[in-house]
Amino acid sequence: MTLKSVGRSRGLVYGVLAVFALLILPVGQYAGATVPAAESGALSGFIFAKDMKTPVAGAVVKIRDIGGQKELASQPTDANGMFTIPGIPEGRYVLGVTSGKSDFNFDYSVHIKGGELGKISLALAPGAGGQEASEASTKKTGFFNTVAGRALIIAVVGVSVYFLFFNETSPIR
């Protein structure tokens, strides 16, 4: 068998075409192979009171997918304040906590990776500078902390500066 006869062989041509087709074409979907589903992750952690030491029992942690708006929630926290949310699809989520006293929303997001466990500890402190609503309404502001008080200070300083530096004595007066 010479080199010319090998090049003209139908078996060789079909063999080369078969190997080329196996390398190029996606054979997996024709063989019945399925694409593996994305793994899901989990989030676990503890919920503490404002003092960051006292565990909060009975609080429910909720997460919401930023893109799809799908919401998942944990079981109520145990006596140690521990919660777990299993089966979370991979993605970015915002957090919220519902306790017996109030609802708390957090201004940051967490990224859950598939096949991994995320851990977080949260302290439930009220917003608005840490004041309760009753404390904020009873606290009075002083006059000089208002807009009118500050305007009065600026006017007095301006008139004083004028009379100190720009009031020229003239021989006519």
N, C-alpha and C. Protein backbone atom coordinates (compact mmCIF):
# COMPACT_ATOMS: atom_id res chain seq x y z
N MET A 1 0.84 -1.15 0.00
CA MET A 1 0.00 0.00 0.00
C MET A 1 0.90 1.23 0.00
N THR A 2 0.69 2.06 -0.95
CA THR A 2 1.51 3.26 -1.08
C THR A 2 0.80 4.44 -0.44
N LEU A 3 1.50 5.55 -0.37
CA LEU A 3 0.94 6.76 0.24
C LEU A 3 -0.25 7.29 -0.54
N LYS A 4 -0.22 7.13 -1.87
CA LYS A 4 -1.34 7.57 -2.70
C LYS A 4 -2.57 6.75 -2.42
N SER A 5 -2.41 5.49 -2.21
CA SER A 5 -3.58 4.64 -1.98
C SER A 5 -4.17 4.88 -0.59
N VAL A 6 -3.37 5.26 0.41
CA VAL A 6 -3.89 5.56 1.74
C VAL A 6 -4.72 6.84 1.68
N GLY A 7 -4.30 7.84 0.94
CA GLY A 7 -5.01 9.10 0.81
C GLY A 7 -6.34 8.93 0.11
N ARG A 8 -6.47 7.89 -0.74
CA ARG A 8 -7.71 7.67 -1.47
C ARG A 8 -8.64 6.69 -0.76
N SER A 9 -8.26 6.22 0.38
CA SER A 9 -9.05 5.23 1.09
C SER A 9 -10.30 5.89 1.69
N ARG A 10 -11.45 5.26 1.44
CA ARG A 10 -12.70 5.80 1.99
C ARG A 10 -12.75 5.65 3.50
N GLY A 11 -12.20 4.61 4.02
CA GLY A 11 -12.21 4.38 5.46
C GLY A 11 -11.47 5.47 6.22
N LEU A 12 -10.32 5.90 5.66
CA LEU A 12 -9.55 6.97 6.29
C LEU A 12 -10.31 8.28 6.25
N VAL A 13 -10.93 8.60 5.15
CA VAL A 13 -11.69 9.84 5.01
C VAL A 13 -12.85 9.85 6.00
N TYR A 14 -13.60 8.73 6.11
CA TYR A 14 -14.71 8.67 7.05
C TYR A 14 -14.22 8.75 8.49
N GLY A 15 -13.10 8.15 8.76
CA GLY A 15 -12.54 8.19 10.11
C GLY A 15 -12.14 9.61 10.52
N VAL A 16 -11.48 10.33 9.60
CA VAL A 16 -11.09 11.71 9.89
C VAL A 16 -12.32 12.59 10.08
N LEU A 17 -13.35 12.42 9.26
CA LEU A 17 -14.58 13.20 9.40
C LEU A 17 -15.29 12.89 10.73
N ALA A 18 -15.28 11.63 11.14
CA ALA A 18 -15.91 11.25 12.40
C ALA A 18 -15.20 11.88 13.59
N VAL A 19 -13.87 11.82 13.59
CA VAL A 19 -13.10 12.43 14.68
C VAL A 19 -13.34 13.94 14.71
N PHE A 20 -13.35 14.58 13.56
CA PHE A 20 -13.59 16.01 13.47
C PHE A 20 -14.98 16.35 14.01
N ALA A 21 -15.97 15.57 13.65
CA ALA A 21 -17.34 15.81 14.11
C ALA A 21 -17.45 15.63 15.62
N LEU A 22 -16.76 14.63 16.18
CA LEU A 22 -16.81 14.42 17.63
C LEU A 22 -16.13 15.55 18.39
N LEU A 23 -15.10 16.13 17.82
CA LEU A 23 -14.40 17.21 18.49
C LEU A 23 -15.15 18.54 18.40
N ILE A 24 -15.85 18.76 17.31
CA ILE A 24 -16.48 20.05 17.07
C ILE A 24 -17.92 20.10 17.58
N LEU A 25 -18.70 19.10 17.31
CA LEU A 25 -20.12 19.12 17.66
C LEU A 25 -20.33 18.84 19.14
N PRO A 26 -21.35 19.46 19.75
CA PRO A 26 -21.65 19.18 21.15
C PRO A 26 -22.38 17.84 21.29
N VAL A 27 -21.63 16.80 21.47
CA VAL A 27 -22.17 15.45 21.49
C VAL A 27 -22.93 15.19 22.78
N GLY A 28 -22.63 15.91 23.86
CA GLY A 28 -23.24 15.66 25.16
C GLY A 28 -24.75 15.77 25.13
N GLN A 29 -25.30 16.74 24.42
CA GLN A 29 -26.75 16.88 24.41
C GLN A 29 -27.43 15.82 23.55
N TYR A 30 -26.69 15.26 22.58
CA TYR A 30 -27.27 14.19 21.77
C TYR A 30 -27.20 12.84 22.48
N ALA A 31 -26.28 12.71 23.42
CA ALA A 31 -26.12 11.45 24.14
C ALA A 31 -27.05 11.37 25.36
N GLY A 32 -27.85 12.40 25.59
CA GLY A 32 -28.78 12.39 26.70
C GLY A 32 -28.18 12.96 27.98
N ALA A 33 -26.99 13.54 27.91
CA ALA A 33 -26.38 14.13 29.10
C ALA A 33 -27.10 15.44 29.41
N THR A 34 -27.30 15.70 30.68
CA THR A 34 -27.96 16.93 31.09
C THR A 34 -26.93 17.89 31.65
N VAL A 35 -27.23 19.17 31.53
CA VAL A 35 -26.36 20.19 32.09
C VAL A 35 -26.64 20.23 33.58
N PRO A 36 -25.60 20.18 34.41
CA PRO A 36 -25.84 20.19 35.85
C PRO A 36 -26.48 21.51 36.29
N ALA A 37 -27.47 21.42 37.18
CA ALA A 37 -28.14 22.61 37.69
C ALA A 37 -27.19 23.37 38.62
N ALA A 38 -27.41 24.66 38.70
CA ALA A 38 -26.58 25.48 39.57
C ALA A 38 -26.79 25.06 41.02
N GLU A 39 -25.70 24.95 41.74
CA GLU A 39 -25.80 24.55 43.14
C GLU A 39 -26.41 25.68 43.95
N SER A 40 -27.03 25.31 45.04
CA SER A 40 -27.59 26.32 45.92
C SER A 40 -26.71 26.44 47.16
N GLY A 41 -26.74 27.61 47.75
CA GLY A 41 -25.95 27.87 48.94
C GLY A 41 -26.85 27.98 50.16
N ALA A 42 -26.28 28.41 51.26
CA ALA A 42 -27.04 28.57 52.50
C ALA A 42 -26.48 29.76 53.26
N LEU A 43 -27.31 30.31 54.13
CA LEU A 43 -26.91 31.44 54.98
C LEU A 43 -27.25 31.08 56.42
N SER A 44 -26.31 31.30 57.30
CA SER A 44 -26.50 30.96 58.71
C SER A 44 -25.88 32.06 59.55
N GLY A 45 -26.37 32.23 60.77
CA GLY A 45 -25.79 33.24 61.64
C GLY A 45 -26.57 33.44 62.91
N PHE A 46 -26.30 34.57 63.56
CA PHE A 46 -26.91 34.89 64.85
C PHE A 46 -27.51 36.28 64.80
N ILE A 47 -28.60 36.46 65.55
CA ILE A 47 -29.25 37.75 65.69
C ILE A 47 -29.10 38.19 67.15
N PHE A 48 -28.57 39.40 67.36
CA PHE A 48 -28.37 39.94 68.69
C PHE A 48 -29.17 41.22 68.87
N ALA A 49 -29.42 41.59 70.12
CA ALA A 49 -30.10 42.83 70.45
C ALA A 49 -29.14 44.01 70.25
N LYS A 50 -29.63 45.20 70.58
CA LYS A 50 -28.86 46.42 70.38
C LYS A 50 -27.51 46.41 71.10
N ASP A 51 -27.42 45.72 72.23
CA ASP A 51 -26.17 45.67 72.99
C ASP A 51 -25.13 44.73 72.39
N MET A 52 -25.48 44.00 71.35
CA MET A 52 -24.62 43.06 70.63
C MET A 52 -24.16 41.88 71.48
N LYS A 53 -24.86 41.61 72.57
CA LYS A 53 -24.52 40.47 73.42
C LYS A 53 -25.73 39.57 73.67
N THR A 54 -26.90 40.15 73.76
CA THR A 54 -28.11 39.42 74.10
C THR A 54 -28.70 38.79 72.84
N PRO A 55 -28.82 37.47 72.76
CA PRO A 55 -29.42 36.85 71.58
C PRO A 55 -30.92 37.12 71.51
N VAL A 56 -31.43 37.26 70.30
CA VAL A 56 -32.86 37.52 70.09
C VAL A 56 -33.50 36.22 69.63
N ALA A 57 -34.43 35.70 70.44
CA ALA A 57 -35.15 34.48 70.09
C ALA A 57 -36.44 34.84 69.37
N GLY A 58 -36.82 34.05 68.38
CA GLY A 58 -38.09 34.25 67.67
C GLY A 58 -38.03 35.22 66.51
N ALA A 59 -36.87 35.72 66.16
CA ALA A 59 -36.75 36.62 65.01
C ALA A 59 -36.69 35.80 63.72
N VAL A 60 -37.22 36.36 62.64
CA VAL A 60 -37.21 35.70 61.33
C VAL A 60 -36.35 36.54 60.38
N VAL A 61 -35.34 35.91 59.78
CA VAL A 61 -34.47 36.58 58.82
C VAL A 61 -35.03 36.34 57.43
N LYS A 62 -35.17 37.43 56.67
CA LYS A 62 -35.68 37.33 55.30
C LYS A 62 -34.63 37.89 54.35
N ILE A 63 -34.49 37.21 53.21
CA ILE A 63 -33.60 37.72 52.16
C ILE A 63 -34.40 37.83 50.87
N ARG A 64 -34.06 38.84 50.07
CA ARG A 64 -34.76 39.05 48.79
C ARG A 64 -33.72 39.19 47.69
N ASP A 65 -33.92 38.41 46.63
CA ASP A 65 -33.04 38.45 45.46
C ASP A 65 -33.16 39.81 44.81
N ILE A 66 -32.04 40.46 44.54
CA ILE A 66 -32.07 41.80 43.96
C ILE A 66 -32.62 41.76 42.54
N GLY A 67 -32.23 40.76 41.75
CA GLY A 67 -32.66 40.70 40.35
C GLY A 67 -34.07 40.19 40.18
N GLY A 68 -34.41 39.09 40.83
CA GLY A 68 -35.69 38.45 40.59
C GLY A 68 -36.76 38.75 41.62
N GLN A 69 -36.41 39.44 42.70
CA GLN A 69 -37.34 39.78 43.77
C GLN A 69 -37.95 38.55 44.46
N LYS A 70 -37.27 37.41 44.39
CA LYS A 70 -37.73 36.21 45.09
C LYS A 70 -37.31 36.32 46.55
N GLU A 71 -38.25 36.05 47.46
CA GLU A 71 -37.98 36.19 48.88
C GLU A 71 -37.92 34.83 49.56
N LEU A 72 -36.92 34.66 50.41
CA LEU A 72 -36.76 33.45 51.22
C LEU A 72 -36.69 33.87 52.69
N ALA A 73 -37.18 33.01 53.58
CA ALA A 73 -37.18 33.33 55.00
C ALA A 73 -36.68 32.13 55.80
N SER A 74 -36.12 32.44 56.97
CA SER A 74 -35.65 31.39 57.87
C SER A 74 -36.77 31.00 58.82
N GLN A 75 -36.54 29.92 59.54
CA GLN A 75 -37.40 29.58 60.67
C GLN A 75 -37.10 30.58 61.78
N PRO A 76 -37.99 30.76 62.76
CA PRO A 76 -37.66 31.67 63.87
C PRO A 76 -36.38 31.24 64.58
N THR A 77 -35.62 32.24 65.03
CA THR A 77 -34.35 31.96 65.69
C THR A 77 -34.58 31.21 67.00
N ASP A 78 -33.58 30.42 67.39
CA ASP A 78 -33.69 29.65 68.63
C ASP A 78 -33.30 30.53 69.83
N ALA A 79 -33.15 29.93 70.98
CA ALA A 79 -32.82 30.69 72.20
C ALA A 79 -31.45 31.35 72.12
N ASN A 80 -30.56 30.84 71.28
CA ASN A 80 -29.24 31.44 71.10
C ASN A 80 -29.22 32.48 70.00
N GLY A 81 -30.35 32.72 69.35
CA GLY A 81 -30.44 33.70 68.27
C GLY A 81 -29.95 33.17 66.94
N MET A 82 -29.79 31.85 66.79
CA MET A 82 -29.25 31.27 65.56
C MET A 82 -30.35 31.04 64.53
N PHE A 83 -30.02 31.32 63.27
CA PHE A 83 -30.93 31.08 62.15
C PHE A 83 -30.18 30.39 61.03
N THR A 84 -30.92 29.74 60.13
CA THR A 84 -30.35 29.11 58.94
C THR A 84 -31.37 29.20 57.82
N ILE A 85 -30.89 29.57 56.63
CA ILE A 85 -31.72 29.56 55.42
C ILE A 85 -31.02 28.65 54.41
N PRO A 86 -31.52 27.43 54.22
CA PRO A 86 -30.89 26.52 53.25
C PRO A 86 -31.50 26.69 51.85
N GLY A 87 -30.82 26.15 50.84
CA GLY A 87 -31.37 26.09 49.48
C GLY A 87 -31.50 27.44 48.80
N ILE A 88 -30.53 28.32 48.97
CA ILE A 88 -30.58 29.65 48.36
C ILE A 88 -29.89 29.58 47.00
N PRO A 89 -30.58 29.95 45.91
CA PRO A 89 -29.91 30.00 44.61
C PRO A 89 -28.80 31.06 44.61
N GLU A 90 -27.76 30.81 43.85
CA GLU A 90 -26.63 31.73 43.81
C GLU A 90 -27.09 33.09 43.31
N GLY A 91 -26.63 34.15 43.99
CA GLY A 91 -26.99 35.51 43.59
C GLY A 91 -26.76 36.51 44.70
N ARG A 92 -27.21 37.75 44.46
CA ARG A 92 -27.05 38.85 45.41
C ARG A 92 -28.40 39.13 46.08
N TYR A 93 -28.37 39.27 47.41
CA TYR A 93 -29.59 39.41 48.20
C TYR A 93 -29.47 40.57 49.19
N VAL A 94 -30.63 41.18 49.52
CA VAL A 94 -30.70 42.17 50.60
C VAL A 94 -31.34 41.49 51.80
N LEU A 95 -30.99 41.98 52.99
CA LEU A 95 -31.41 41.35 54.24
C LEU A 95 -32.46 42.18 54.97
N GLY A 96 -33.30 41.48 55.71
CA GLY A 96 -34.25 42.10 56.61
C GLY A 96 -34.53 41.14 57.76
N VAL A 97 -34.89 41.68 58.93
CA VAL A 97 -35.18 40.86 60.09
C VAL A 97 -36.49 41.34 60.70
N THR A 98 -37.36 40.39 61.00
CA THR A 98 -38.61 40.68 61.69
C THR A 98 -38.53 40.06 63.07
N SER A 99 -38.60 40.91 64.09
CA SER A 99 -38.59 40.41 65.45
C SER A 99 -39.93 40.76 66.09
N GLY A 100 -40.11 40.38 67.34
CA GLY A 100 -41.36 40.67 68.03
C GLY A 100 -41.59 42.15 68.22
N LYS A 101 -40.52 42.94 68.29
CA LYS A 101 -40.65 44.37 68.55
C LYS A 101 -40.83 45.19 67.28
N SER A 102 -40.07 44.88 66.24
CA SER A 102 -40.07 45.74 65.06
C SER A 102 -39.49 45.01 63.86
N ASP A 103 -39.49 45.69 62.72
CA ASP A 103 -38.86 45.18 61.50
C ASP A 103 -37.59 45.99 61.26
N PHE A 104 -36.56 45.31 60.77
CA PHE A 104 -35.28 45.95 60.51
C PHE A 104 -34.84 45.61 59.10
N ASN A 105 -34.44 46.62 58.33
CA ASN A 105 -33.90 46.42 56.99
C ASN A 105 -32.46 46.91 56.99
N PHE A 106 -31.60 46.20 56.28
CA PHE A 106 -30.20 46.54 56.24
C PHE A 106 -29.86 47.14 54.88
N ASP A 107 -28.93 48.12 54.87
CA ASP A 107 -28.60 48.87 53.66
C ASP A 107 -27.55 48.20 52.79
N TYR A 108 -27.13 47.02 53.08
CA TYR A 108 -26.11 46.35 52.28
C TYR A 108 -26.66 45.03 51.77
N SER A 109 -25.95 44.49 50.79
CA SER A 109 -26.38 43.21 50.22
C SER A 109 -25.30 42.16 50.45
N VAL A 110 -25.71 40.90 50.37
CA VAL A 110 -24.78 39.79 50.50
C VAL A 110 -24.83 38.96 49.22
N HIS A 111 -23.71 38.38 48.88
CA HIS A 111 -23.63 37.51 47.70
C HIS A 111 -23.53 36.07 48.19
N ILE A 112 -24.49 35.25 47.79
CA ILE A 112 -24.50 33.84 48.16
C ILE A 112 -23.92 33.05 47.00
N LYS A 113 -22.91 32.21 47.29
CA LYS A 113 -22.30 31.36 46.27
C LYS A 113 -22.89 29.97 46.36
N GLY A 114 -23.01 29.31 45.21
CA GLY A 114 -23.53 27.95 45.17
C GLY A 114 -22.58 26.98 45.84
N GLY A 115 -23.13 26.07 46.64
CA GLY A 115 -22.33 25.05 47.30
C GLY A 115 -21.58 25.55 48.51
N GLU A 116 -21.84 26.78 48.97
CA GLU A 116 -21.12 27.32 50.12
C GLU A 116 -22.10 27.81 51.18
N LEU A 117 -21.61 27.91 52.42
CA LEU A 117 -22.39 28.40 53.54
C LEU A 117 -21.87 29.77 53.94
N GLY A 118 -22.74 30.78 53.86
CA GLY A 118 -22.39 32.12 54.30
C GLY A 118 -22.76 32.29 55.76
N LYS A 119 -21.91 32.98 56.51
CA LYS A 119 -22.16 33.18 57.94
C LYS A 119 -22.18 34.68 58.22
N ILE A 120 -23.17 35.10 59.03
CA ILE A 120 -23.31 36.52 59.35
C ILE A 120 -23.93 36.65 60.74
N SER A 121 -23.52 37.68 61.46
CA SER A 121 -24.12 38.02 62.75
C SER A 121 -24.64 39.43 62.65
N LEU A 122 -25.87 39.66 63.13
CA LEU A 122 -26.53 40.95 63.00
C LEU A 122 -26.97 41.46 64.35
N ALA A 123 -26.84 42.77 64.57
CA ALA A 123 -27.33 43.42 65.78
C ALA A 123 -28.51 44.30 65.38
N LEU A 124 -29.61 44.17 66.11
CA LEU A 124 -30.83 44.90 65.79
C LEU A 124 -30.84 46.22 66.56
N ALA A 125 -30.38 47.27 65.91
CA ALA A 125 -30.39 48.61 66.50
C ALA A 125 -31.29 49.48 65.64
N PRO A 126 -32.12 50.31 66.25
CA PRO A 126 -33.00 51.18 65.46
C PRO A 126 -32.19 52.20 64.68
N GLY A 127 -32.74 52.66 63.57
CA GLY A 127 -32.09 53.66 62.73
C GLY A 127 -32.23 55.04 63.33
N ALA A 128 -32.02 56.07 62.53
CA ALA A 128 -32.16 57.48 62.91
C ALA A 128 -31.22 57.85 64.06
N GLY A 129 -29.98 57.45 63.96
CA GLY A 129 -28.98 57.84 64.95
C GLY A 129 -29.10 57.11 66.26
N GLY A 130 -29.78 55.98 66.29
CA GLY A 130 -29.87 55.19 67.49
C GLY A 130 -30.91 55.67 68.48
N GLN A 131 -31.79 56.60 68.11
CA GLN A 131 -32.81 57.08 69.02
C GLN A 131 -34.13 56.38 68.75
N GLU A 132 -34.83 56.10 69.78
CA GLU A 132 -36.19 55.60 69.64
C GLU A 132 -37.07 56.77 69.22
N ALA A 133 -38.26 56.49 68.69
CA ALA A 133 -39.16 57.54 68.24
C ALA A 133 -39.60 58.44 69.38
N SER A 134 -39.82 57.90 70.58
CA SER A 134 -40.26 58.71 71.71
C SER A 134 -39.15 59.63 72.19
N GLU A 135 -37.88 59.18 72.12
CA GLU A 135 -36.76 60.02 72.52
C GLU A 135 -36.58 61.18 71.56
N ALA A 136 -36.74 60.95 70.27
CA ALA A 136 -36.52 61.99 69.28
C ALA A 136 -37.59 63.07 69.37
N SER A 137 -38.83 62.71 69.72
CA SER A 137 -39.88 63.71 69.76
C SER A 137 -39.79 64.57 71.01
N THR A 138 -39.26 64.08 72.13
CA THR A 138 -39.18 64.85 73.36
C THR A 138 -37.95 65.74 73.41
N LYS A 139 -36.94 65.48 72.63
CA LYS A 139 -35.72 66.27 72.66
C LYS A 139 -35.94 67.57 71.90
N LYS A 140 -35.67 68.73 72.58
CA LYS A 140 -35.85 70.04 71.96
C LYS A 140 -34.53 70.50 71.37
N THR A 141 -34.63 71.27 70.30
CA THR A 141 -33.43 71.86 69.71
C THR A 141 -33.35 73.31 70.17
N GLY A 142 -32.15 73.81 70.39
CA GLY A 142 -31.95 75.19 70.81
C GLY A 142 -32.19 76.16 69.66
N PHE A 143 -32.38 77.43 70.02
CA PHE A 143 -32.67 78.45 69.01
C PHE A 143 -31.53 78.61 68.02
N PHE A 144 -30.30 78.56 68.50
CA PHE A 144 -29.16 78.78 67.62
C PHE A 144 -28.82 77.57 66.76
N ASN A 145 -29.54 76.45 66.94
CA ASN A 145 -29.40 75.29 66.06
C ASN A 145 -30.46 75.28 64.97
N THR A 146 -31.31 76.29 64.93
CA THR A 146 -32.31 76.39 63.88
C THR A 146 -31.79 77.31 62.79
N VAL A 147 -32.51 77.37 61.68
CA VAL A 147 -32.11 78.23 60.56
C VAL A 147 -32.20 79.70 60.96
N ALA A 148 -33.24 80.09 61.67
CA ALA A 148 -33.40 81.49 62.08
C ALA A 148 -32.28 81.91 63.03
N GLY A 149 -31.88 81.03 63.95
CA GLY A 149 -30.81 81.34 64.87
C GLY A 149 -29.47 81.52 64.17
N ARG A 150 -29.20 80.66 63.21
CA ARG A 150 -27.95 80.78 62.45
C ARG A 150 -27.95 82.04 61.59
N ALA A 151 -29.09 82.40 61.02
CA ALA A 151 -29.18 83.63 60.23
C ALA A 151 -28.93 84.85 61.11
N LEU A 152 -29.43 84.82 62.34
CA LEU A 152 -29.20 85.93 63.27
C LEU A 152 -27.72 86.05 63.61
N ILE A 153 -27.05 84.94 63.83
CA ILE A 153 -25.61 84.96 64.13
C ILE A 153 -24.83 85.55 62.96
N ILE A 154 -25.15 85.16 61.74
CA ILE A 154 -24.45 85.67 60.56
C ILE A 154 -24.70 87.17 60.40
N ALA A 155 -25.92 87.63 60.65
CA ALA A 155 -26.23 89.05 60.51
C ALA A 155 -25.47 89.88 61.55
N VAL A 156 -25.41 89.44 62.79
CA VAL A 156 -24.70 90.17 63.84
C VAL A 156 -23.21 90.23 63.55
N VAL A 157 -22.64 89.13 63.11
CA VAL A 157 -21.21 89.12 62.78
C VAL A 157 -20.93 90.04 61.59
N GLY A 158 -21.79 90.02 60.59
CA GLY A 158 -21.59 90.88 59.41
C GLY A 158 -21.65 92.36 59.76
N VAL A 159 -22.62 92.77 60.58
CA VAL A 159 -22.73 94.19 60.98
C VAL A 159 -21.54 94.59 61.83
N SER A 160 -21.09 93.71 62.71
CA SER A 160 -19.93 94.01 63.55
C SER A 160 -18.67 94.20 62.72
N VAL A 161 -18.46 93.34 61.75
CA VAL A 161 -17.28 93.45 60.88
C VAL A 161 -17.33 94.75 60.08
N TYR A 162 -18.50 95.15 59.62
CA TYR A 162 -18.64 96.39 58.84
C TYR A 162 -18.24 97.59 59.68
N PHE A 163 -18.77 97.66 60.91
CA PHE A 163 -18.47 98.83 61.73
C PHE A 163 -17.02 98.83 62.22
N LEU A 164 -16.39 97.68 62.34
CA LEU A 164 -15.01 97.64 62.79
C LEU A 164 -14.02 98.02 61.69
N PHE A 165 -14.26 97.56 60.46
CA PHE A 165 -13.26 97.73 59.42
C PHE A 165 -13.64 98.74 58.34
N PHE A 166 -14.89 98.97 58.09
CA PHE A 166 -15.26 99.80 56.94
C PHE A 166 -15.87 101.15 57.36
N ASN A 167 -15.96 101.43 58.60
CA ASN A 167 -16.51 102.70 59.05
C ASN A 167 -15.37 103.71 59.13
N GLU A 168 -15.24 104.59 58.13
CA GLU A 168 -14.16 105.57 58.09
C GLU A 168 -14.60 106.83 58.80
N THR A 169 -13.69 107.41 59.48
CA THR A 169 -14.00 108.70 60.11
C THR A 169 -13.73 109.76 59.07
N SER A 170 -14.64 110.71 58.95
CA SER A 170 -14.44 111.78 57.97
C SER A 170 -14.45 113.11 58.70
N PRO A 171 -13.82 114.10 58.13
CA PRO A 171 -13.75 115.42 58.77
C PRO A 171 -15.11 116.15 58.71
N ILE A 172 -16.01 115.70 57.86
CA ILE A 172 -17.28 116.40 57.71
C ILE A 172 -18.20 116.09 58.90
N ARG A 173 -18.14 114.95 59.46
CA ARG A 173 -19.05 114.58 60.56
C ARG A 173 -18.78 115.30 61.80
